[in-house]
Amino acid sequence: MRLQQLQQTLQSVLTQKQQLELELLEVDQALGELGKTPDDGVIYKSVGSLLIKSEKPKVTEDLNERKELANMRISVLGKQEERLRSQVKELNERLQKDLRPLSPS
């Protein structure tokens, strides 16, 4: 029962981490495109289902903040993943030991 809970939690952490890594990739791509855009170029920012005209420095700042936050969350999830993997491994070893037949005396 405990092993199953740990495995489900680990799967959830891995899913969250993967989503954040995709978000980070999108932010990096957006920052790359912004870098190619002239400072006085027209920038539109997606807000819900709308595109709002915005200034390049503001959009760049927002994206850099999102990138920093995503990196921090990925780091935290990575540590959580390591801890969960260790617990799963330990519990598996304990179960294997408990299930091993006793040698005849």
Protein backbone atom coordinates (compact mmCIF):
# COMPACT_ATOMS: atom_id res chain seq x y z
CA MET A 1 0.00 0.00 0.00
CA ARG A 2 2.75 2.45 0.99
CA LEU A 3 4.80 1.47 -2.05
CA GLN A 4 1.87 2.17 -4.35
CA GLN A 5 1.36 5.61 -2.77
CA LEU A 6 5.03 6.46 -3.21
CA GLN A 7 4.97 5.35 -6.84
CA GLN A 8 1.87 7.45 -7.53
CA THR A 9 3.43 10.49 -5.85
CA LEU A 10 6.62 9.97 -7.85
CA GLN A 11 4.60 9.78 -11.08
CA SER A 12 2.82 13.01 -10.17
CA VAL A 13 6.13 14.76 -9.46
CA LEU A 14 7.56 13.55 -12.78
CA THR A 15 4.50 14.83 -14.65
CA GLN A 16 4.72 18.25 -12.99
CA LYS A 17 8.43 18.43 -13.72
CA GLN A 18 7.88 17.54 -17.37
CA GLN A 19 5.18 20.24 -17.71
CA LEU A 20 7.52 22.82 -16.21
CA GLU A 21 10.34 21.78 -18.53
CA LEU A 22 8.00 22.30 -21.51
CA GLU A 23 7.00 25.71 -20.16
CA LEU A 24 10.68 26.58 -19.74
CA LEU A 25 11.36 25.57 -23.34
CA GLU A 26 8.52 27.82 -24.55
CA VAL A 27 9.82 30.75 -22.47
CA ASP A 28 13.33 30.27 -23.86
CA GLN A 29 11.97 30.22 -27.41
CA ALA A 30 9.95 33.39 -26.75
CA LEU A 31 13.00 35.12 -25.28
CA GLY A 32 15.02 34.08 -28.33
CA GLU A 33 12.45 35.59 -30.66
CA LEU A 34 12.29 38.75 -28.56
CA GLY A 35 16.06 39.05 -28.86
CA LYS A 36 15.68 39.19 -32.65
CA THR A 37 13.03 41.90 -32.42
CA PRO A 38 14.08 45.54 -32.54
CA ASP A 39 13.51 47.48 -29.31
CA ASP A 40 10.90 49.66 -30.99
CA GLY A 41 9.19 46.66 -32.62
CA VAL A 42 5.54 45.93 -31.93
CA ILE A 43 5.06 43.14 -29.36
CA TYR A 44 1.77 41.47 -28.51
CA LYS A 45 1.30 39.53 -25.31
CA SER A 46 -1.28 36.78 -24.94
CA VAL A 47 -3.70 37.44 -22.08
CA GLY A 48 -6.37 34.75 -22.01
CA SER A 49 -7.91 34.71 -25.46
CA LEU A 50 -6.71 38.26 -26.25
CA LEU A 51 -3.52 39.66 -27.70
CA ILE A 52 -2.52 42.89 -25.96
CA LYS A 53 0.06 45.31 -27.34
CA SER A 54 2.97 45.55 -24.92
CA GLU A 55 6.49 46.93 -24.65
CA LYS A 56 9.50 44.72 -25.28
CA PRO A 57 11.26 45.44 -21.94
CA LYS A 58 8.11 44.59 -19.96
CA VAL A 59 7.51 41.34 -21.86
CA THR A 60 11.19 40.40 -21.52
CA GLU A 61 11.06 41.06 -17.77
CA ASP A 62 7.89 38.97 -17.39
CA LEU A 63 9.40 36.08 -19.35
CA ASN A 64 12.63 36.18 -17.34
CA GLU A 65 10.60 36.04 -14.11
CA ARG A 66 8.64 33.04 -15.43
CA LYS A 67 11.92 31.37 -16.42
CA GLU A 68 13.43 31.92 -12.97
CA LEU A 69 10.32 30.61 -11.22
CA ALA A 70 10.15 27.55 -13.49
CA ASN A 71 13.82 26.78 -12.83
CA MET A 72 13.29 27.01 -9.07
CA ARG A 73 10.25 24.75 -9.21
CA ILE A 74 12.08 22.23 -11.41
CA SER A 75 14.92 22.18 -8.88
CA VAL A 76 12.51 21.55 -5.98
CA LEU A 77 10.72 18.81 -7.92
CA GLY A 78 14.07 17.24 -8.81
CA LYS A 79 14.98 16.99 -5.13
CA GLN A 80 11.55 15.58 -4.35
CA GLU A 81 11.99 13.06 -7.18
CA GLU A 82 15.35 11.91 -5.78
CA ARG A 83 13.90 11.48 -2.29
CA LEU A 84 10.90 9.53 -3.60
CA ARG A 85 13.06 7.27 -5.78
CA SER A 86 15.22 6.52 -2.76
CA GLN A 87 12.17 5.67 -0.63
CA VAL A 88 10.71 3.44 -3.36
CA LYS A 89 14.03 1.62 -3.72
CA GLU A 90 14.35 1.15 0.04
CA LEU A 91 10.79 -0.13 0.36
CA ASN A 92 11.26 -2.50 -2.61
CA GLU A 93 14.40 -3.93 -1.00
CA ARG A 94 12.59 -4.39 2.31
CA LEU A 95 9.69 -6.14 0.58
CA GLN A 96 12.04 -8.42 -1.35
CA LYS A 97 13.82 -9.31 1.90
CA ASP A 98 10.51 -10.01 3.68
CA LEU A 99 9.21 -12.12 0.79
CA ARG A 100 12.38 -14.19 0.50
CA PRO A 101 11.77 -17.70 1.86
CA LEU A 102 13.62 -18.55 5.03
CA SER A 103 16.48 -20.95 4.51
CA PRO A 104 15.98 -24.32 6.23
CA SER A 105 17.85 -24.72 9.51
